[in-house]
Amino acid sequence: MVIGGKHFGQYTYDHWFDDEHEKQETLGVFLKPEEEKDYNSVENLTREAFWNVYKPGCDEHLLIHNMRKAKQFIKELDYVAIYNDEIIGNIVYAKTKILDTNKEHDVITFGPVSVLPAYQKRGIGKKLIEHTIAKAQGMGFKAVIIYGNPKYYERFGFKNSREYKITDMEGNYNDALLALELFPKSLENVSGKFFDGDVYKIDKKELEEFEKNFPKKEKLVLDTQIFKEDD
């Protein structure tokens, strides 16, 4: 779902944050790169993780499906979490840009981060994020820019983007727009508008067709949802 340029799959998963339980990492969980044979499992778990959270139903499973085919997709940072031979979590990254007046600066973003409901609030997302941030640094990427919960992401070193003079595409500073330097002062001479391209856009008709591949689930309108309509 895209709202004012911000995809709420990309806007991570603050609906299952829990500081106390996030400190208790699930034993026996290991991470590995996603393989083609994992695609269906990952799309199903993503659907379960986001269903009825931000709106009736969800579209993050189609987002994952389409991201793998996009040129911005970073395959090397596509990881799954496995517990008892079951895929229970996933994280994906995409190449993005900071648009300055006369220059483009390459950065990356992540999301959605998906964890099966039965395993949420148990440190799985934290494990996925920490592992892939370290790998992104090893690959030489400059910085990570995301929309997320500031209270949660400060533990990973994220700061509000206004500290680096980075705005959204409307030129506004946003409390949820966060930046992480992967190297000291890597954003020192970077400023401009955060642009994630078309990778997070969803077509409603395409979603309707894609939904036919999954078991039918009831769409509910909940007080906690950002949107009350399926759009």
Protein backbone atom coordinates (compact mmCIF):
# COMPACT_ATOMS: atom_id res chain seq x y z
CA MET A 1 0.00 0.00 0.00
CA VAL A 2 1.41 3.39 -0.95
CA ILE A 3 0.49 6.49 1.04
CA GLY A 4 2.08 9.78 0.07
CA GLY A 5 5.07 7.98 -1.40
CA LYS A 6 5.45 5.76 1.66
CA HIS A 7 4.72 2.06 1.30
CA PHE A 8 3.39 0.60 4.51
CA GLY A 9 4.99 -2.73 3.81
CA GLN A 10 8.20 -0.75 3.67
CA TYR A 11 7.00 1.05 6.80
CA THR A 12 8.07 -2.17 8.48
CA TYR A 13 5.95 -3.79 11.14
CA ASP A 14 5.51 -1.58 14.18
CA HIS A 15 2.25 -3.44 14.90
CA TRP A 16 4.29 -6.27 16.40
CA PHE A 17 7.01 -4.32 18.22
CA ASP A 18 7.52 -5.35 21.81
CA ASP A 19 10.68 -4.16 23.55
CA GLU A 20 10.59 -6.81 26.26
CA HIS A 21 10.12 -9.78 23.94
CA GLU A 22 12.36 -8.44 21.16
CA LYS A 23 15.26 -8.98 23.56
CA GLN A 24 14.46 -12.68 23.79
CA GLU A 25 15.76 -14.08 20.52
CA THR A 26 14.13 -17.33 19.46
CA LEU A 27 16.53 -20.25 19.81
CA GLY A 28 17.22 -22.41 16.79
CA VAL A 29 16.41 -19.77 14.17
CA PHE A 30 18.88 -19.53 11.30
CA LEU A 31 19.01 -17.29 8.26
CA LYS A 32 19.72 -18.12 4.64
CA PRO A 33 19.32 -16.42 1.25
CA GLU A 34 15.89 -16.90 -0.28
CA GLU A 35 15.81 -19.44 -3.11
CA GLU A 36 13.28 -19.85 -5.91
CA LYS A 37 11.79 -22.86 -4.13
CA ASP A 38 11.01 -20.56 -1.18
CA TYR A 39 8.96 -18.05 -3.17
CA ASN A 40 5.50 -19.46 -2.44
CA SER A 41 6.23 -19.90 1.26
CA VAL A 42 7.55 -16.34 1.56
CA GLU A 43 4.56 -14.86 -0.25
CA ASN A 44 2.19 -16.82 1.99
CA LEU A 45 3.95 -15.79 5.21
CA THR A 46 4.02 -12.16 4.05
CA ARG A 47 0.29 -12.30 3.41
CA GLU A 48 -0.29 -13.76 6.87
CA ALA A 49 1.96 -11.16 8.50
CA PHE A 50 0.18 -8.14 7.01
CA TRP A 51 -3.40 -9.36 6.53
CA ASN A 52 -5.88 -6.80 7.95
CA VAL A 53 -3.07 -4.86 9.63
CA TYR A 54 -2.95 -1.58 7.69
CA LYS A 55 -6.16 -2.08 5.70
CA PRO A 56 -8.71 -4.83 5.00
CA GLY A 57 -6.62 -7.56 3.41
CA CYS A 58 -3.10 -6.59 2.27
CA ASP A 59 -0.90 -6.25 -0.81
CA GLU A 60 2.60 -6.88 0.56
CA HIS A 61 2.67 -10.45 -0.81
CA LEU A 62 2.21 -9.09 -4.35
CA LEU A 63 4.87 -6.49 -3.61
CA ILE A 64 7.35 -9.26 -2.75
CA HIS A 65 6.36 -11.16 -5.89
CA ASN A 66 6.98 -8.14 -8.13
CA MET A 67 10.09 -6.87 -6.37
CA ARG A 68 12.06 -9.98 -7.30
CA LYS A 69 11.64 -9.05 -10.98
CA ALA A 70 12.54 -5.37 -10.55
CA LYS A 71 15.96 -4.03 -11.50
CA GLN A 72 16.17 -2.26 -8.13
CA PHE A 73 15.86 -5.56 -6.24
CA ILE A 74 18.99 -6.64 -4.35
CA LYS A 75 18.98 -10.43 -4.47
CA GLU A 76 22.03 -10.73 -2.21
CA LEU A 77 20.08 -9.09 0.65
CA ASP A 78 16.93 -11.21 0.28
CA TYR A 79 17.00 -13.43 3.38
CA VAL A 80 14.60 -15.83 5.09
CA ALA A 81 14.45 -16.95 8.72
CA ILE A 82 13.92 -20.67 9.34
CA TYR A 83 12.74 -22.44 12.49
CA ASN A 84 11.99 -26.17 12.68
CA ASP A 85 12.39 -26.42 8.89
CA GLU A 86 9.70 -23.76 8.35
CA ILE A 87 10.24 -20.34 6.80
CA ILE A 88 8.90 -17.89 9.39
CA GLY A 89 10.40 -14.56 8.31
CA ASN A 90 11.75 -12.60 5.36
CA ILE A 91 13.44 -9.30 4.55
CA VAL A 92 14.04 -7.72 1.13
CA TYR A 93 16.01 -4.70 -0.08
CA ALA A 94 15.89 -2.41 -3.09
CA LYS A 95 18.22 0.19 -4.58
CA THR A 96 16.93 3.73 -4.17
CA LYS A 97 18.22 7.28 -4.58
CA ILE A 98 18.55 10.66 -2.97
CA LEU A 99 17.77 13.28 -5.61
CA ASP A 100 19.77 16.47 -5.25
CA THR A 101 19.41 19.49 -7.51
CA ASN A 102 22.18 18.42 -9.87
CA LYS A 103 23.09 14.94 -8.67
CA GLU A 104 21.72 11.52 -7.69
CA HIS A 105 23.09 9.66 -4.68
CA ASP A 106 22.69 5.87 -4.56
CA VAL A 107 21.32 4.41 -1.31
CA ILE A 108 19.23 1.37 -0.40
CA THR A 109 16.03 0.64 1.50
CA PHE A 110 14.44 -2.44 3.02
CA GLY A 111 10.92 -3.70 3.44
CA PRO A 112 8.64 -5.35 3.81
CA VAL A 113 10.01 -7.22 6.79
CA SER A 114 7.63 -10.12 7.36
CA VAL A 115 7.29 -12.51 10.29
CA LEU A 116 4.57 -15.12 10.74
CA PRO A 117 2.10 -13.97 13.44
CA ALA A 118 2.91 -16.94 15.70
CA TYR A 119 6.56 -15.82 15.86
CA GLN A 120 6.18 -12.07 16.12
CA LYS A 121 7.67 -10.15 19.07
CA ARG A 122 10.40 -12.78 19.45
CA GLY A 123 13.38 -11.08 17.84
CA ILE A 124 13.07 -12.57 14.35
CA GLY A 125 12.79 -9.19 12.62
CA LYS A 126 15.72 -7.87 14.64
CA LYS A 127 17.86 -10.82 13.59
CA LEU A 128 16.99 -10.33 9.91
CA ILE A 129 17.69 -6.59 10.05
CA GLU A 130 21.02 -6.85 11.86
CA HIS A 131 22.30 -9.61 9.59
CA THR A 132 21.42 -7.87 6.34
CA ILE A 133 22.64 -4.44 7.44
CA ALA A 134 26.04 -5.99 8.15
CA LYS A 135 25.99 -7.71 4.77
CA ALA A 136 24.98 -4.47 3.01
CA GLN A 137 27.94 -2.75 4.63
CA GLY A 138 30.22 -5.52 3.40
CA MET A 139 28.87 -5.03 -0.11
CA GLY A 140 29.91 -1.39 -0.03
CA PHE A 141 26.51 0.30 0.06
CA LYS A 142 26.63 3.84 1.43
CA ALA A 143 23.45 4.13 3.52
CA VAL A 144 20.00 2.73 4.27
CA ILE A 145 16.93 4.98 4.14
CA ILE A 146 13.57 3.70 5.42
CA TYR A 147 10.19 4.78 6.72
CA GLY A 148 9.79 3.25 10.17
CA ASN A 149 9.16 3.60 13.88
CA PRO A 150 11.92 5.91 15.23
CA LYS A 151 11.80 4.39 18.72
CA TYR A 152 12.43 0.92 17.35
CA TYR A 153 15.03 1.71 14.71
CA GLU A 154 17.28 3.90 16.82
CA ARG A 155 18.67 0.67 18.31
CA PHE A 156 20.17 -0.12 14.89
CA GLY A 157 21.70 3.35 14.60
CA PHE A 158 19.04 5.00 12.46
CA LYS A 159 18.58 8.76 12.83
CA ASN A 160 15.92 11.10 11.54
CA SER A 161 16.72 12.06 7.97
CA ARG A 162 16.55 15.78 8.78
CA GLU A 163 20.00 15.40 10.35
CA TYR A 164 21.27 14.78 6.82
CA LYS A 165 18.92 17.25 5.11
CA ILE A 166 17.05 14.42 3.39
CA THR A 167 13.32 14.94 2.79
CA ASP A 168 10.49 12.97 1.23
CA MET A 169 9.59 13.57 -2.41
CA GLU A 170 7.32 16.46 -1.41
CA GLY A 171 10.29 18.21 0.18
CA ASN A 172 9.03 17.66 3.72
CA TYR A 173 10.83 16.27 6.75
CA ASN A 174 9.01 13.28 8.18
CA ASP A 175 9.38 11.82 11.66
CA ALA A 176 9.24 8.33 10.17
CA LEU A 177 11.87 8.95 7.47
CA LEU A 178 15.07 7.49 8.89
CA ALA A 179 18.65 7.18 7.70
CA LEU A 180 21.55 4.91 8.65
CA GLU A 181 25.12 5.60 7.55
CA LEU A 182 26.86 2.32 6.76
CA PHE A 183 30.24 4.05 6.94
CA PRO A 184 31.31 7.08 9.02
CA LYS A 185 30.23 10.33 7.35
CA SER A 186 28.92 8.47 4.28
CA LEU A 187 26.02 10.95 4.11
CA GLU A 188 28.10 14.00 4.99
CA ASN A 189 27.86 15.54 1.51
CA VAL A 190 24.47 14.07 0.63
CA SER A 191 21.16 15.93 0.74
CA GLY A 192 17.96 15.99 -1.26
CA LYS A 193 14.73 14.02 -1.71
CA PHE A 194 14.38 10.32 -1.00
CA PHE A 195 13.11 8.53 -4.13
CA ASP A 196 12.27 4.83 -4.16
CA GLY A 197 11.07 4.70 -7.78
CA ASP A 198 8.19 2.48 -8.83
CA VAL A 199 9.27 -0.64 -6.98
CA TYR A 200 6.71 -0.12 -4.20
CA LYS A 201 3.70 0.64 -6.41
CA ILE A 202 0.80 -1.82 -6.51
CA ASP A 203 -1.87 -2.17 -9.21
CA LYS A 204 -5.27 -2.96 -7.72
CA LYS A 205 -6.44 -5.13 -10.64
CA GLU A 206 -3.21 -7.10 -10.57
CA LEU A 207 -3.73 -7.66 -6.84
CA GLU A 208 -7.23 -9.00 -7.42
CA GLU A 209 -5.88 -11.56 -9.90
CA PHE A 210 -2.94 -12.46 -7.69
CA GLU A 211 -5.23 -13.11 -4.72
CA LYS A 212 -6.83 -15.98 -6.64
CA ASN A 213 -3.65 -18.01 -6.04
CA PHE A 214 -4.19 -18.02 -2.27
CA PRO A 215 -6.74 -19.51 0.15
CA LYS A 216 -9.64 -17.15 0.70
CA LYS A 217 -9.37 -14.99 3.81
CA GLU A 218 -11.87 -12.59 5.30
CA LYS A 219 -11.10 -8.89 4.98
CA LEU A 220 -11.93 -7.04 8.18
CA VAL A 221 -12.27 -3.36 9.00
CA LEU A 222 -10.44 -2.68 12.28
CA ASP A 223 -10.05 0.46 14.38
CA THR A 224 -6.26 0.11 14.26
CA GLN A 225 -6.06 0.23 10.46
CA ILE A 226 -4.73 3.26 8.63
CA PHE A 227 -7.20 2.70 5.80
CA LYS A 228 -10.79 1.52 6.18
CA GLU A 229 -11.26 0.72 2.50
CA ASP A 230 -9.52 -1.82 0.32
CA ASP A 231 -7.54 0.64 -1.81
